[in-house]
Amino acid sequence: MADKLKFGAVEGVPSGGLRFAEALRQYQSAGPLLIADDVLTTGASMELHRAGRDALGVVIFARGPCPAWVAPKF
């Protein structure tokens, strides 16, 4: 994942991603929607939350392969 993501809004995937998204809000500037979650297992909840919208994704920890639009930290 790049050191800095540029995003205009952030949404968290309930429930683990809500606190992560809240912590990221202070870094909002301009750019696409950022969808945040704490742990990605299959990616289904991230895809469901994305709902076909143009977005970037970030997760703290990935247990499996991430969709191309999602960047894991670990």
N, C-alpha and C. Protein backbone atom coordinates (compact mmCIF):
# COMPACT_ATOMS: atom_id res chain seq x y z
N MET A 1 0.84 -1.17 0.00
CA MET A 1 0.00 0.00 0.00
C MET A 1 0.89 1.23 0.00
N ALA A 2 0.45 2.22 -0.74
CA ALA A 2 1.20 3.47 -0.78
C ALA A 2 1.22 4.10 0.61
N ASP A 3 2.25 4.88 0.88
CA ASP A 3 2.35 5.52 2.18
C ASP A 3 1.18 6.46 2.45
N LYS A 4 0.69 7.10 1.40
CA LYS A 4 -0.41 8.04 1.56
C LYS A 4 -1.49 7.76 0.54
N LEU A 5 -2.72 7.61 1.02
CA LEU A 5 -3.88 7.49 0.15
C LEU A 5 -4.59 8.82 0.12
N LYS A 6 -5.01 9.26 -1.03
CA LYS A 6 -5.79 10.48 -1.14
C LYS A 6 -7.24 10.07 -1.33
N PHE A 7 -8.10 10.57 -0.45
CA PHE A 7 -9.51 10.23 -0.52
C PHE A 7 -10.36 11.39 -0.04
N GLY A 8 -11.56 11.48 -0.59
CA GLY A 8 -12.44 12.59 -0.28
C GLY A 8 -13.46 12.28 0.80
N ALA A 9 -13.79 11.03 0.96
CA ALA A 9 -14.74 10.60 1.98
C ALA A 9 -14.34 9.20 2.41
N VAL A 10 -14.75 8.82 3.61
CA VAL A 10 -14.40 7.49 4.10
C VAL A 10 -15.63 6.87 4.77
N GLU A 11 -15.85 5.60 4.49
CA GLU A 11 -16.93 4.83 5.11
C GLU A 11 -16.33 3.57 5.69
N GLY A 12 -16.85 3.13 6.82
CA GLY A 12 -16.39 1.90 7.44
C GLY A 12 -17.38 0.78 7.24
N VAL A 13 -16.87 -0.42 7.06
CA VAL A 13 -17.73 -1.60 6.97
C VAL A 13 -18.08 -2.00 8.40
N PRO A 14 -19.38 -2.07 8.73
CA PRO A 14 -19.77 -2.45 10.09
C PRO A 14 -19.29 -3.86 10.43
N SER A 15 -18.82 -4.16 11.59
CA SER A 15 -18.70 -3.19 12.64
C SER A 15 -17.26 -2.79 12.87
N GLY A 16 -16.32 -3.69 12.53
CA GLY A 16 -14.90 -3.41 12.78
C GLY A 16 -14.35 -2.23 12.01
N GLY A 17 -14.87 -1.96 10.85
CA GLY A 17 -14.36 -0.87 10.04
C GLY A 17 -14.83 0.51 10.44
N LEU A 18 -15.87 0.58 11.29
CA LEU A 18 -16.41 1.88 11.68
C LEU A 18 -15.41 2.70 12.48
N ARG A 19 -14.75 2.09 13.43
CA ARG A 19 -13.75 2.82 14.23
C ARG A 19 -12.53 3.18 13.39
N PHE A 20 -12.13 2.29 12.50
CA PHE A 20 -11.01 2.55 11.60
C PHE A 20 -11.33 3.75 10.70
N ALA A 21 -12.53 3.76 10.13
CA ALA A 21 -12.95 4.88 9.27
C ALA A 21 -12.97 6.18 10.05
N GLU A 22 -13.45 6.15 11.28
CA GLU A 22 -13.49 7.36 12.11
C GLU A 22 -12.07 7.90 12.32
N ALA A 23 -11.12 7.03 12.55
CA ALA A 23 -9.73 7.46 12.74
C ALA A 23 -9.13 8.04 11.45
N LEU A 24 -9.59 7.57 10.30
CA LEU A 24 -9.06 8.04 9.02
C LEU A 24 -9.67 9.37 8.56
N ARG A 25 -10.82 9.75 9.11
CA ARG A 25 -11.52 10.96 8.65
C ARG A 25 -10.67 12.21 8.73
N GLN A 26 -9.77 12.28 9.67
CA GLN A 26 -8.94 13.48 9.80
C GLN A 26 -8.00 13.67 8.61
N TYR A 27 -7.82 12.63 7.79
CA TYR A 27 -6.92 12.69 6.64
C TYR A 27 -7.65 12.91 5.33
N GLN A 28 -8.97 13.12 5.36
CA GLN A 28 -9.73 13.38 4.14
C GLN A 28 -9.22 14.62 3.45
N SER A 29 -9.19 14.58 2.14
CA SER A 29 -8.85 15.77 1.36
C SER A 29 -9.75 15.76 0.14
N ALA A 30 -9.21 15.39 -0.99
CA ALA A 30 -9.99 15.29 -2.23
C ALA A 30 -9.66 13.95 -2.86
N GLY A 31 -10.61 13.41 -3.57
CA GLY A 31 -10.38 12.14 -4.24
C GLY A 31 -11.56 11.22 -4.10
N PRO A 32 -11.35 9.95 -4.38
CA PRO A 32 -12.46 8.99 -4.36
C PRO A 32 -12.88 8.60 -2.94
N LEU A 33 -13.94 7.87 -2.88
CA LEU A 33 -14.44 7.29 -1.64
C LEU A 33 -13.45 6.22 -1.17
N LEU A 34 -13.20 6.19 0.12
CA LEU A 34 -12.36 5.15 0.73
C LEU A 34 -13.25 4.30 1.62
N ILE A 35 -13.21 2.99 1.42
CA ILE A 35 -13.96 2.05 2.26
C ILE A 35 -12.94 1.33 3.12
N ALA A 36 -13.17 1.36 4.44
CA ALA A 36 -12.21 0.83 5.40
C ALA A 36 -12.82 -0.33 6.20
N ASP A 37 -12.00 -1.33 6.48
CA ASP A 37 -12.40 -2.42 7.35
C ASP A 37 -11.19 -2.88 8.14
N ASP A 38 -11.44 -3.57 9.23
CA ASP A 38 -10.32 -4.02 10.04
C ASP A 38 -9.70 -5.30 9.49
N VAL A 39 -10.51 -6.31 9.20
CA VAL A 39 -10.00 -7.60 8.72
C VAL A 39 -10.76 -8.02 7.47
N LEU A 40 -10.04 -8.44 6.45
CA LEU A 40 -10.64 -8.98 5.23
C LEU A 40 -10.38 -10.48 5.21
N THR A 41 -11.46 -11.26 5.11
CA THR A 41 -11.32 -12.71 5.01
C THR A 41 -11.59 -13.15 3.57
N THR A 42 -12.81 -12.91 3.07
CA THR A 42 -13.14 -13.29 1.70
C THR A 42 -13.29 -12.08 0.79
N GLY A 43 -13.49 -10.91 1.37
CA GLY A 43 -13.72 -9.69 0.58
C GLY A 43 -15.19 -9.43 0.31
N ALA A 44 -16.06 -10.36 0.72
CA ALA A 44 -17.49 -10.22 0.43
C ALA A 44 -18.10 -8.98 1.10
N SER A 45 -17.75 -8.70 2.33
CA SER A 45 -18.33 -7.54 3.01
C SER A 45 -17.85 -6.23 2.39
N MET A 46 -16.62 -6.21 1.94
CA MET A 46 -16.10 -5.01 1.26
C MET A 46 -16.85 -4.79 -0.06
N GLU A 47 -17.04 -5.86 -0.82
CA GLU A 47 -17.76 -5.76 -2.10
C GLU A 47 -19.21 -5.34 -1.87
N LEU A 48 -19.85 -5.90 -0.86
CA LEU A 48 -21.23 -5.56 -0.54
C LEU A 48 -21.33 -4.08 -0.16
N HIS A 49 -20.42 -3.59 0.65
CA HIS A 49 -20.44 -2.19 1.06
C HIS A 49 -20.13 -1.27 -0.13
N ARG A 50 -19.27 -1.70 -1.00
CA ARG A 50 -18.93 -0.89 -2.19
C ARG A 50 -20.14 -0.72 -3.09
N ALA A 51 -20.94 -1.76 -3.23
CA ALA A 51 -22.18 -1.71 -4.02
C ALA A 51 -21.98 -1.15 -5.43
N GLY A 52 -20.88 -1.53 -6.08
CA GLY A 52 -20.63 -1.11 -7.45
C GLY A 52 -20.11 0.30 -7.61
N ARG A 53 -19.92 1.01 -6.51
CA ARG A 53 -19.43 2.40 -6.59
C ARG A 53 -17.93 2.41 -6.87
N ASP A 54 -17.47 3.52 -7.46
CA ASP A 54 -16.04 3.72 -7.67
C ASP A 54 -15.43 4.06 -6.31
N ALA A 55 -14.52 3.22 -5.84
CA ALA A 55 -13.96 3.43 -4.51
C ALA A 55 -12.60 2.76 -4.39
N LEU A 56 -11.84 3.21 -3.41
CA LEU A 56 -10.62 2.54 -2.98
C LEU A 56 -10.97 1.82 -1.68
N GLY A 57 -10.22 0.80 -1.36
CA GLY A 57 -10.44 0.09 -0.12
C GLY A 57 -9.15 -0.07 0.65
N VAL A 58 -9.26 -0.11 1.97
CA VAL A 58 -8.09 -0.34 2.81
C VAL A 58 -8.53 -1.21 3.98
N VAL A 59 -7.70 -2.20 4.30
CA VAL A 59 -7.93 -3.06 5.45
C VAL A 59 -6.65 -3.13 6.27
N ILE A 60 -6.81 -3.34 7.57
CA ILE A 60 -5.63 -3.45 8.42
C ILE A 60 -4.95 -4.79 8.19
N PHE A 61 -5.74 -5.85 8.13
CA PHE A 61 -5.18 -7.20 8.01
C PHE A 61 -5.99 -8.01 7.00
N ALA A 62 -5.31 -8.69 6.09
CA ALA A 62 -5.97 -9.55 5.10
C ALA A 62 -5.62 -11.01 5.38
N ARG A 63 -6.65 -11.81 5.56
CA ARG A 63 -6.45 -13.25 5.79
C ARG A 63 -6.36 -14.03 4.49
N GLY A 64 -6.75 -13.41 3.40
CA GLY A 64 -6.73 -14.06 2.09
C GLY A 64 -6.45 -13.03 1.02
N PRO A 65 -6.60 -13.41 -0.24
CA PRO A 65 -6.36 -12.48 -1.34
C PRO A 65 -7.36 -11.32 -1.32
N CYS A 66 -6.86 -10.15 -1.61
CA CYS A 66 -7.70 -8.95 -1.65
C CYS A 66 -8.14 -8.66 -3.08
N PRO A 67 -9.33 -8.09 -3.25
CA PRO A 67 -9.71 -7.59 -4.56
C PRO A 67 -8.71 -6.51 -4.99
N ALA A 68 -8.58 -6.29 -6.26
CA ALA A 68 -7.58 -5.35 -6.78
C ALA A 68 -7.76 -3.93 -6.24
N TRP A 69 -8.96 -3.55 -5.86
CA TRP A 69 -9.22 -2.19 -5.39
C TRP A 69 -8.97 -2.01 -3.90
N VAL A 70 -8.59 -3.08 -3.20
CA VAL A 70 -8.37 -3.05 -1.75
C VAL A 70 -6.88 -3.22 -1.43
N ALA A 71 -6.36 -2.34 -0.60
CA ALA A 71 -4.95 -2.41 -0.18
C ALA A 71 -4.88 -2.86 1.27
N PRO A 72 -4.21 -3.98 1.54
CA PRO A 72 -4.02 -4.42 2.93
C PRO A 72 -2.78 -3.77 3.54
N LYS A 73 -2.83 -3.51 4.83
CA LYS A 73 -1.64 -3.02 5.53
C LYS A 73 -0.77 -4.21 5.94
N PHE A 74 -1.42 -5.28 6.41
CA PHE A 74 -0.70 -6.50 6.78
C PHE A 74 -1.36 -7.71 6.16
